[in-house]
Amino acid sequence: MGRYFGTDGFRGRANDSLTAVHAFRVGRFLGRYFMRGKRERVRIVVGKDTRRSSYMFEYAFTAGATASGADVYLLHVTTTPSVSYVTRTEGFDCGVMISASHNPYADNGIKLMNAEGEKMEGEVLALLEDYLDGGTLPFAEGEEIGRTVDYVAGRNRYLGYLLSLPRTSLRGLRVGLDCANGSAWAISKAVFDALGAHVTLIGAEPNGVNINEGCGSTHPERLCALVKSHSLDVGFAFDGDADRCICVDERGEIVDGDGILYVCALQMKAEGEPFGGEVVATVMSNTGLKRSLAREGIGVRFTDVGDKAVYAQMRSANLLLGGEASGHIVFLKHATTGDGILTALKIAETLMLRKCPLSCLTRGYTPLIQRNASCRVQDKSAALHAESVILAAEEGRRLLGDGRLLLRASGTEPVVRIMAEGENANDCDEAVRLVMRALRARGEEL
């Protein structure tokens, strides 16, 4: 991770660790960087989520980019994957999403994408970070100053693309959607309505300060209750910028990203789709996914956390399906990033084609017991390398035996993540407690 940009952009508390000045300077840099060797004007497309601060950052970035001579096309409230799609299909030099994804509303972030709609290359981010640390750039003047363009039409084209993907109508399917009071609010219901589904909606009243609050992919409990109380066929919970999706089956049980990978891999194999015979998952995925897919003759490749790492592994190995337990699922045939609404459509399509409930499709997936916890810390590296924490982790691993205990620094928050996995729930709980106790003893915030 760089000085400012982590695994999913430049993220922090709005006007604290991430300020409007940062956004302005990011715009200044990108407007000049992509001008190199170009005769025509630089074009940048920008989307945002529903946080109150997203408007501030959108306007600050736009001021910086136009001051450097770029034209900025505003998609307004939209999803991260829609920005990726518009960037790669409509000839933009880069795409920008103002969002902190699943974080609380007081946080925000700036996600950058290259002309292919992929996460921005590390070498470009390194140059940008150098500029943020005090670099200077000339301003555009006169007719060289950039302009802004209202580009809601780009978002509508993305919606049309989603509608073109399912091979069957969703007529009669009873669907619950939890939009996390975020970006999916503007798109998801329209897509499912147009495909014939009967939609029940929650988390669709954004007010600037309620994004992800007790709802969405990080809090699917409300959706579980909704599916059960309304006798729905399936539920889909998105995060703040809708690049994640967590499913809920007809019984009100959660199906996370690993379960989604299992269902989609089996469907692709059954249809004879040449997806490579393997899926890509991260080290945080459940070992049960590997064992369950192995019984079906499908392999799993593990990579680092983050859909950027998943995508890179998929590209290098020519594999078409990958994702994370958190709900980032990448369908390489259709997208270059995780797309929550696309994932929901794929699962809904499979339900219609197979004519059986989601609980039936996941029956062969047997996950191991996992316990996950997070600890907010002052210094992630210092916390992970503290002798007391290392010793606690070693004791936890001895307790788990053949299981796993992973500690890692979050790439998006000042948080250490702890994951214990094994056959015994009590052992997993105790392993997590050991590490949390060591962090508490260091005075780390919880």
Protein backbone atom coordinates (compact mmCIF):
# COMPACT_ATOMS: atom_id res chain seq x y z
CA MET A 1 0.00 0.00 0.00
CA GLY A 2 1.14 3.53 -0.77
CA ARG A 3 1.26 6.66 1.35
CA TYR A 4 -2.31 7.61 0.44
CA PHE A 5 -3.79 4.89 -1.77
CA GLY A 6 -4.67 1.52 -0.25
CA THR A 7 -6.17 -1.60 -1.81
CA ASP A 8 -9.26 0.32 -2.96
CA GLY A 9 -8.32 3.95 -3.46
CA PHE A 10 -7.52 6.92 -1.23
CA ARG A 11 -9.83 6.54 1.73
CA GLY A 12 -10.24 8.33 5.04
CA ARG A 13 -12.44 10.44 7.28
CA ALA A 14 -13.89 13.31 5.24
CA ASN A 15 -12.00 16.58 5.79
CA ASP A 16 -9.64 14.88 8.22
CA SER A 17 -7.32 12.35 6.59
CA LEU A 18 -9.02 12.94 3.22
CA THR A 19 -9.80 16.58 2.46
CA ALA A 20 -11.32 18.62 -0.34
CA VAL A 21 -7.80 19.89 -1.05
CA HIS A 22 -6.67 16.31 -1.64
CA ALA A 23 -9.52 15.84 -4.12
CA PHE A 24 -8.63 19.08 -5.89
CA ARG A 25 -4.99 18.03 -6.21
CA VAL A 26 -5.92 14.54 -7.45
CA GLY A 27 -7.94 16.26 -10.16
CA ARG A 28 -5.06 18.61 -10.97
CA PHE A 29 -2.67 15.68 -11.38
CA LEU A 30 -4.92 13.48 -13.53
CA GLY A 31 -5.90 16.37 -15.79
CA ARG A 32 -2.23 17.00 -16.60
CA TYR A 33 -0.95 13.40 -16.51
CA PHE A 34 -3.24 12.14 -19.25
CA MET A 35 -2.48 15.14 -21.43
CA ARG A 36 0.92 13.68 -22.28
CA GLY A 37 1.22 13.14 -26.03
CA LYS A 38 -2.48 13.85 -26.63
CA ARG A 39 -3.74 16.29 -29.21
CA GLU A 40 -7.36 16.07 -28.14
CA ARG A 41 -8.62 17.12 -24.72
CA VAL A 42 -8.37 14.75 -21.76
CA ARG A 43 -11.77 13.24 -20.80
CA ILE A 44 -12.50 11.97 -17.28
CA VAL A 45 -15.78 10.42 -16.12
CA VAL A 46 -16.83 10.76 -12.47
CA GLY A 47 -19.44 9.06 -10.30
CA LYS A 48 -20.28 9.31 -6.61
CA ASP A 49 -22.23 7.56 -3.86
CA THR A 50 -24.84 9.10 -1.56
CA ARG A 51 -22.61 10.38 1.28
CA ARG A 52 -23.05 14.02 2.18
CA SER A 53 -19.37 14.65 1.55
CA SER A 54 -19.44 13.05 -1.91
CA TYR A 55 -20.75 16.27 -3.44
CA MET A 56 -17.88 18.26 -1.92
CA PHE A 57 -15.27 15.83 -3.19
CA GLU A 58 -16.90 15.59 -6.62
CA TYR A 59 -16.86 19.37 -7.05
CA ALA A 60 -13.33 19.72 -5.66
CA PHE A 61 -11.98 17.03 -7.98
CA THR A 62 -13.80 18.56 -10.94
CA ALA A 63 -12.37 22.00 -10.18
CA GLY A 64 -8.86 20.55 -10.10
CA ALA A 65 -9.21 18.51 -13.28
CA THR A 66 -10.77 21.35 -15.30
CA ALA A 67 -8.12 23.74 -13.97
CA SER A 68 -5.55 21.39 -15.53
CA GLY A 69 -7.40 21.38 -18.85
CA ALA A 70 -9.48 18.18 -18.69
CA ASP A 71 -13.16 17.83 -19.51
CA VAL A 72 -15.08 16.13 -16.70
CA TYR A 73 -18.23 14.09 -17.37
CA LEU A 74 -20.50 13.74 -14.33
CA LEU A 75 -22.54 10.55 -13.89
CA HIS A 76 -23.85 11.85 -10.53
CA VAL A 77 -25.01 9.19 -8.02
CA THR A 78 -24.09 5.85 -9.55
CA THR A 79 -22.19 2.63 -8.84
CA THR A 80 -18.47 1.93 -9.03
CA PRO A 81 -18.94 -0.77 -11.72
CA SER A 82 -20.97 1.66 -13.83
CA VAL A 83 -18.03 4.09 -13.83
CA SER A 84 -15.74 1.22 -14.84
CA TYR A 85 -18.11 0.22 -17.67
CA VAL A 86 -18.53 3.74 -19.03
CA THR A 87 -14.77 4.40 -18.84
CA ARG A 88 -13.81 1.35 -20.87
CA THR A 89 -16.64 1.44 -23.42
CA GLU A 90 -16.79 5.16 -24.19
CA GLY A 91 -13.15 6.08 -24.66
CA PHE A 92 -12.42 7.99 -21.46
CA ASP A 93 -8.84 8.48 -20.32
CA CYS A 94 -9.73 7.47 -16.79
CA GLY A 95 -12.65 7.03 -14.40
CA VAL A 96 -13.13 8.31 -10.86
CA MET A 97 -15.54 7.10 -8.18
CA ILE A 98 -16.13 9.16 -5.05
CA SER A 99 -16.99 6.54 -2.44
CA ALA A 100 -15.80 4.81 0.72
CA SER A 101 -17.69 1.64 -0.25
CA HIS A 102 -18.82 -0.19 2.90
CA ASN A 103 -17.35 2.35 5.36
CA PRO A 104 -19.52 4.59 7.59
CA TYR A 105 -20.88 7.83 6.12
CA ALA A 106 -18.24 10.05 7.79
CA ASP A 107 -15.55 8.38 5.67
CA ASN A 108 -15.10 8.87 1.96
CA GLY A 109 -12.70 7.85 -0.77
CA ILE A 110 -11.41 8.43 -4.28
CA LYS A 111 -11.18 5.35 -6.50
CA LEU A 112 -9.24 5.68 -9.75
CA MET A 113 -9.60 3.55 -12.89
CA ASN A 114 -7.55 3.42 -16.06
CA ALA A 115 -8.93 3.59 -19.60
CA GLU A 116 -9.82 -0.12 -19.45
CA GLY A 117 -11.98 0.37 -16.36
CA GLU A 118 -9.41 -1.43 -14.22
CA LYS A 119 -7.95 -0.20 -10.93
CA MET A 120 -5.29 2.41 -11.70
CA GLU A 121 -1.75 1.15 -12.16
CA GLY A 122 0.62 1.37 -9.20
CA GLU A 123 3.20 3.43 -11.07
CA VAL A 124 0.63 6.14 -11.80
CA LEU A 125 -0.48 6.17 -8.17
CA ALA A 126 3.16 6.53 -7.07
CA LEU A 127 3.56 9.63 -9.25
CA LEU A 128 0.27 11.01 -7.93
CA GLU A 129 1.39 10.47 -4.33
CA ASP A 130 4.63 12.34 -5.06
CA TYR A 131 2.55 15.25 -6.35
CA LEU A 132 0.27 15.15 -3.31
CA ASP A 133 3.37 15.48 -1.14
CA GLY A 134 4.13 18.92 -2.56
CA GLY A 135 4.50 18.81 -6.34
CA THR A 136 3.53 21.67 -8.62
CA LEU A 137 1.78 21.78 -11.99
CA PRO A 138 0.93 24.58 -14.42
CA PHE A 139 -2.68 25.74 -14.70
CA ALA A 140 -4.62 25.72 -17.95
CA GLU A 141 -5.53 29.18 -19.24
CA GLY A 142 -7.96 30.67 -21.72
CA GLU A 143 -9.57 28.16 -24.03
CA GLU A 144 -7.42 25.39 -22.55
CA ILE A 145 -9.48 25.40 -19.34
CA GLY A 146 -11.67 22.31 -19.17
CA ARG A 147 -15.44 22.08 -18.92
CA THR A 148 -17.98 19.90 -17.11
CA VAL A 149 -20.62 17.81 -18.87
CA ASP A 150 -23.79 16.38 -17.35
CA TYR A 151 -23.49 12.73 -18.40
CA VAL A 152 -26.38 10.87 -16.84
CA ALA A 153 -26.76 9.25 -20.28
CA GLY A 154 -23.68 7.16 -19.50
CA ARG A 155 -25.35 5.71 -16.43
CA ASN A 156 -28.41 4.86 -18.51
CA ARG A 157 -26.24 3.01 -21.03
CA TYR A 158 -24.80 0.92 -18.21
CA LEU A 159 -28.33 0.10 -17.08
CA GLY A 160 -29.12 -1.00 -20.64
CA TYR A 161 -26.02 -3.20 -20.64
CA LEU A 162 -27.15 -4.96 -17.48
CA LEU A 163 -30.56 -5.58 -19.02
CA SER A 164 -28.93 -7.21 -22.05
CA LEU A 165 -27.09 -9.88 -20.04
CA PRO A 166 -29.72 -12.29 -18.60
CA ARG A 167 -30.76 -15.06 -20.98
CA THR A 168 -34.16 -15.44 -19.38
CA SER A 169 -36.94 -13.30 -17.98
CA LEU A 170 -37.17 -12.96 -14.21
CA ARG A 171 -40.95 -12.84 -14.39
CA GLY A 172 -42.52 -14.21 -11.23
CA LEU A 173 -39.31 -14.16 -9.19
CA ARG A 174 -39.88 -12.52 -5.79
CA VAL A 175 -36.75 -10.53 -4.99
CA GLY A 176 -35.69 -8.49 -1.97
CA LEU A 177 -33.12 -5.75 -2.55
CA ASP A 178 -31.16 -3.95 0.18
CA CYS A 179 -29.49 -0.94 -1.42
CA ALA A 180 -27.54 0.11 1.71
CA ASN A 181 -28.93 3.64 1.25
CA GLY A 182 -26.18 3.93 -1.33
CA SER A 183 -25.47 3.86 -5.05
CA ALA A 184 -27.62 0.82 -5.89
CA TRP A 185 -30.67 2.89 -4.90
CA ALA A 186 -30.50 4.68 -8.26
CA ILE A 187 -30.22 1.58 -10.48
CA SER A 188 -30.98 -1.86 -9.02
CA LYS A 189 -34.76 -1.75 -8.72
CA ALA A 190 -35.11 -0.39 -12.25
CA VAL A 191 -33.10 -3.34 -13.59
CA PHE A 192 -35.06 -6.03 -11.77
CA ASP A 193 -38.40 -4.34 -12.52
CA ALA A 194 -37.58 -4.24 -16.24
CA LEU A 195 -36.74 -7.96 -16.21
CA GLY A 196 -40.12 -8.83 -14.70
CA ALA A 197 -39.19 -9.57 -11.10
CA HIS A 198 -41.47 -8.61 -8.22
CA VAL A 199 -39.21 -6.37 -6.11
CA THR A 200 -39.41 -5.52 -2.40
CA LEU A 201 -36.99 -2.74 -1.52
CA ILE A 202 -35.21 -1.66 1.66
CA GLY A 203 -32.20 0.56 2.29
CA ALA A 204 -33.41 2.91 -0.44
CA GLU A 205 -33.91 6.17 1.43
CA PRO A 206 -30.48 7.84 1.36
CA ASN A 207 -30.18 11.08 3.30
CA GLY A 208 -26.42 11.59 3.17
CA VAL A 209 -25.67 10.17 6.60
CA ASN A 210 -27.32 6.72 6.62
CA ILE A 211 -25.30 4.87 3.97
CA ASN A 212 -24.43 1.33 5.22
CA GLU A 213 -26.03 2.11 8.58
CA GLY A 214 -27.53 -1.14 9.85
CA CYS A 215 -28.15 -2.28 6.27
CA GLY A 216 -26.48 -3.52 3.11
CA SER A 217 -23.89 -6.25 2.61
CA THR A 218 -22.17 -5.64 5.94
CA HIS A 219 -25.48 -5.80 7.87
CA PRO A 220 -27.74 -8.26 5.99
CA GLU A 221 -29.89 -9.07 9.03
CA ARG A 222 -32.74 -6.80 7.91
CA LEU A 223 -32.76 -8.45 4.50
CA CYS A 224 -32.83 -11.92 6.09
CA ALA A 225 -35.90 -10.92 8.09
CA LEU A 226 -37.52 -9.35 5.01
CA VAL A 227 -37.07 -12.48 2.88
CA LYS A 228 -38.64 -14.65 5.58
CA SER A 229 -41.51 -12.32 6.50
CA HIS A 230 -42.48 -11.66 2.85
CA SER A 231 -41.85 -15.25 1.64
CA LEU A 232 -39.44 -14.02 -1.04
CA ASP A 233 -37.46 -16.31 -3.32
CA VAL A 234 -34.13 -14.56 -2.81
CA GLY A 235 -32.58 -11.40 -1.44
CA PHE A 236 -29.56 -9.35 -2.52
CA ALA A 237 -27.69 -6.89 -0.29
CA PHE A 238 -25.29 -4.36 -1.82
CA ASP A 239 -22.71 -2.10 -0.22
CA GLY A 240 -22.43 1.68 -0.50
CA ASP A 241 -21.04 1.76 -4.05
CA ALA A 242 -22.64 -1.54 -5.17
CA ASP A 243 -19.49 -3.41 -6.12
CA ARG A 244 -20.39 -6.08 -3.53
CA CYS A 245 -23.34 -8.42 -3.24
CA ILE A 246 -24.34 -10.78 -0.43
CA CYS A 247 -27.25 -13.15 -1.08
CA VAL A 248 -30.02 -14.40 1.19
CA ASP A 249 -31.74 -17.66 0.28
CA GLU A 250 -35.46 -18.37 0.55
CA ARG A 251 -35.05 -19.57 4.15
CA GLY A 252 -33.48 -16.26 5.21
CA GLU A 253 -29.97 -17.75 5.37
CA ILE A 254 -26.94 -15.72 4.23
CA VAL A 255 -24.96 -16.86 1.19
CA ASP A 256 -21.68 -14.94 1.13
CA GLY A 257 -19.21 -14.44 -1.69
CA ASP A 258 -17.76 -17.93 -1.30
CA GLY A 259 -21.23 -19.45 -1.65
CA ILE A 260 -21.86 -17.28 -4.70
CA LEU A 261 -18.61 -18.48 -6.29
CA TYR A 262 -19.66 -22.07 -5.64
CA VAL A 263 -23.08 -21.64 -7.29
CA CYS A 264 -21.73 -19.73 -10.28
CA ALA A 265 -18.80 -22.09 -10.87
CA LEU A 266 -21.11 -25.10 -10.93
CA GLN A 267 -23.50 -23.35 -13.28
CA MET A 268 -20.71 -22.39 -15.68
CA LYS A 269 -19.41 -25.95 -15.66
CA ALA A 270 -22.91 -27.39 -16.22
CA GLU A 271 -23.39 -25.12 -19.23
CA GLY A 272 -20.02 -26.08 -20.68
CA GLU A 273 -18.71 -22.53 -20.49
CA PRO A 274 -14.91 -22.54 -20.91
CA PHE A 275 -14.17 -20.64 -17.70
CA GLY A 276 -10.79 -22.30 -17.16
CA GLY A 277 -11.78 -25.03 -14.72
CA GLU A 278 -10.68 -22.91 -11.76
CA VAL A 279 -11.92 -19.93 -9.79
CA VAL A 280 -9.87 -17.27 -8.04
CA ALA A 281 -10.50 -16.58 -4.35
CA THR A 282 -8.55 -14.76 -1.64
CA VAL A 283 -6.78 -15.99 1.48
CA MET A 284 -9.84 -14.89 3.48
CA SER A 285 -12.09 -17.31 1.60
CA ASN A 286 -13.30 -20.40 3.42
CA THR A 287 -11.22 -23.57 3.01
CA GLY A 288 -14.56 -25.31 2.59
CA LEU A 289 -14.90 -23.62 -0.80
CA LYS A 290 -11.77 -25.34 -2.07
CA ARG A 291 -12.87 -28.73 -0.70
CA SER A 292 -16.42 -28.42 -2.01
CA LEU A 293 -15.39 -27.35 -5.51
CA ALA A 294 -12.70 -30.06 -5.62
CA ARG A 295 -15.48 -32.66 -5.29
CA GLU A 296 -16.96 -31.16 -8.46
CA GLY A 297 -13.66 -31.21 -10.34
CA ILE A 298 -13.11 -27.46 -10.08
CA GLY A 299 -9.92 -25.92 -8.69
CA VAL A 300 -9.37 -22.78 -6.62
CA ARG A 301 -6.47 -20.35 -6.86
CA PHE A 302 -5.87 -18.14 -3.83
CA THR A 303 -4.53 -14.62 -3.96
CA ASP A 304 -4.20 -11.53 -1.79
CA VAL A 305 -7.23 -9.67 -0.44
CA GLY A 306 -8.93 -7.15 -2.74
CA ASP A 307 -10.77 -7.44 -6.03
CA LYS A 308 -7.77 -5.78 -7.71
CA ALA A 309 -5.64 -8.79 -6.75
CA VAL A 310 -8.42 -11.18 -7.79
CA TYR A 311 -8.74 -9.49 -11.17
CA ALA A 312 -4.98 -9.55 -11.76
CA GLN A 313 -4.82 -13.29 -11.06
CA MET A 314 -7.79 -13.93 -13.33
CA ARG A 315 -6.17 -12.01 -16.19
CA SER A 316 -2.80 -13.71 -15.80
CA ALA A 317 -4.32 -17.21 -15.67
CA ASN A 318 -7.11 -16.56 -18.21
CA LEU A 319 -9.85 -17.47 -15.71
CA LEU A 320 -13.36 -16.05 -15.97
CA LEU A 321 -14.68 -16.23 -12.39
CA GLY A 322 -13.24 -14.94 -9.15
CA GLY A 323 -14.13 -13.06 -6.01
CA GLU A 324 -14.06 -12.54 -2.28
CA ALA A 325 -16.13 -13.80 0.62
CA SER A 326 -17.11 -10.16 1.23
CA GLY A 327 -19.13 -10.21 -2.00
CA HIS A 328 -16.79 -8.75 -4.62
CA ILE A 329 -17.44 -11.11 -7.54
CA VAL A 330 -15.72 -10.58 -10.90
CA PHE A 331 -17.18 -12.03 -14.10
CA LEU A 332 -14.32 -11.35 -16.47
CA LYS A 333 -16.46 -11.93 -19.54
CA HIS A 334 -18.63 -8.98 -18.57
CA ALA A 335 -16.68 -6.65 -16.27
CA THR A 336 -13.24 -5.62 -15.04
CA THR A 337 -14.27 -5.07 -11.42
CA GLY A 338 -16.63 -6.49 -8.82
CA ASP A 339 -20.24 -5.67 -9.68
CA GLY A 340 -22.96 -6.28 -7.11
CA ILE A 341 -25.95 -5.84 -9.41
CA LEU A 342 -24.40 -8.04 -12.11
CA THR A 343 -23.75 -10.69 -9.45
CA ALA A 344 -27.38 -10.51 -8.31
CA LEU A 345 -28.54 -10.92 -11.92
CA LYS A 346 -26.32 -13.97 -12.39
CA ILE A 347 -27.76 -15.66 -9.31
CA ALA A 348 -31.34 -14.71 -10.26
CA GLU A 349 -30.79 -16.05 -13.78
CA THR A 350 -29.46 -19.32 -12.37
CA LEU A 351 -32.52 -19.68 -10.12
CA MET A 352 -34.80 -19.30 -13.14
CA LEU A 353 -32.79 -21.65 -15.36
CA ARG A 354 -32.40 -24.37 -12.75
CA LYS A 355 -35.94 -23.96 -11.41
CA CYS A 356 -34.87 -24.63 -7.84
CA PRO A 357 -34.30 -22.48 -4.75
CA LEU A 358 -30.92 -21.04 -3.77
CA SER A 359 -30.68 -23.38 -0.77
CA CYS A 360 -30.72 -26.29 -3.22
CA LEU A 361 -27.93 -24.77 -5.32
CA THR A 362 -25.67 -24.29 -2.28
CA ARG A 363 -26.37 -27.72 -0.78
CA GLY A 364 -22.99 -29.13 -1.81
CA TYR A 365 -21.03 -26.25 -0.30
CA THR A 366 -19.78 -27.14 3.19
CA PRO A 367 -17.87 -24.29 4.81
CA LEU A 368 -15.63 -24.68 7.82
CA ILE A 369 -16.46 -22.65 10.92
CA GLN A 370 -15.07 -19.13 10.68
CA ARG A 371 -14.93 -16.32 13.20
CA ASN A 372 -14.03 -12.81 12.08
CA ALA A 373 -13.28 -9.73 14.15
CA SER A 374 -11.86 -6.26 13.55
CA CYS A 375 -9.87 -3.99 15.85
CA ARG A 376 -9.39 -0.29 15.17
CA VAL A 377 -5.77 0.62 15.81
CA GLN A 378 -3.55 3.68 15.79
CA ASP A 379 -0.79 2.01 13.75
CA LYS A 380 -1.63 -1.15 11.80
CA SER A 381 1.98 -2.18 11.18
CA ALA A 382 3.02 -1.64 14.80
CA ALA A 383 0.04 -3.64 16.04
CA LEU A 384 0.74 -6.59 13.74
CA HIS A 385 4.45 -6.67 14.61
CA ALA A 386 4.06 -6.30 18.37
CA GLU A 387 5.63 -9.27 20.19
CA SER A 388 2.59 -9.76 22.42
CA VAL A 389 0.28 -9.96 19.40
CA ILE A 390 2.61 -12.36 17.58
CA LEU A 391 2.76 -14.62 20.64
CA ALA A 392 -1.04 -14.54 21.02
CA ALA A 393 -1.42 -15.49 17.35
CA GLU A 394 1.00 -18.39 17.76
CA GLU A 395 -1.01 -19.66 20.74
CA GLY A 396 -4.21 -19.33 18.72
CA ARG A 397 -2.73 -21.35 15.86
CA ARG A 398 -1.67 -24.12 18.23
CA LEU A 399 -5.21 -24.19 19.57
CA LEU A 400 -6.69 -24.48 16.06
CA GLY A 401 -4.37 -27.32 15.01
CA ASP A 402 -5.11 -27.94 11.33
CA GLY A 403 -7.22 -24.77 11.17
CA ARG A 404 -6.10 -21.28 10.24
CA LEU A 405 -5.60 -17.96 12.03
CA LEU A 406 -4.98 -14.93 9.82
CA LEU A 407 -4.15 -11.39 10.88
CA ARG A 408 -3.95 -8.64 8.31
CA ALA A 409 -4.07 -4.89 7.99
CA SER A 410 -7.18 -3.56 6.31
CA GLY A 411 -6.45 -1.80 3.05
CA THR A 412 -9.38 0.61 3.49
CA GLU A 413 -9.65 1.39 7.23
CA PRO A 414 -7.37 1.84 10.29
CA VAL A 415 -8.23 -1.70 11.29
CA VAL A 416 -6.56 -5.04 11.92
CA ARG A 417 -8.67 -7.98 10.69
CA ILE A 418 -8.64 -11.30 12.52
CA MET A 419 -9.96 -14.54 11.02
CA ALA A 420 -9.99 -17.92 12.75
CA GLU A 421 -11.09 -21.04 10.87
CA GLY A 422 -11.45 -24.63 11.95
CA GLU A 423 -13.72 -27.52 12.83
CA ASN A 424 -14.53 -26.40 16.40
CA ALA A 425 -16.46 -23.20 17.09
CA ASN A 426 -15.15 -22.83 20.65
CA ASP A 427 -11.54 -23.07 19.47
CA CYS A 428 -12.17 -20.44 16.79
CA ASP A 429 -13.78 -18.11 19.33
CA GLU A 430 -10.91 -18.54 21.77
CA ALA A 431 -8.26 -17.93 19.10
CA VAL A 432 -9.90 -14.62 18.19
CA ARG A 433 -10.20 -13.67 21.87
CA LEU A 434 -6.49 -14.31 22.44
CA VAL A 435 -5.49 -11.87 19.72
CA MET A 436 -8.08 -9.28 20.70
CA ARG A 437 -6.87 -9.47 24.32
CA ALA A 438 -3.29 -8.83 23.18
CA LEU A 439 -4.39 -5.82 21.15
CA ARG A 440 -6.38 -4.45 24.09
CA ALA A 441 -3.36 -4.83 26.38
CA ARG A 442 -1.40 -2.56 24.00
CA GLY A 443 -4.06 0.12 24.45
CA GLU A 444 -5.39 -0.23 20.90
CA GLU A 445 -8.85 1.21 20.32
CA LEU A 446 -11.75 -1.23 19.78
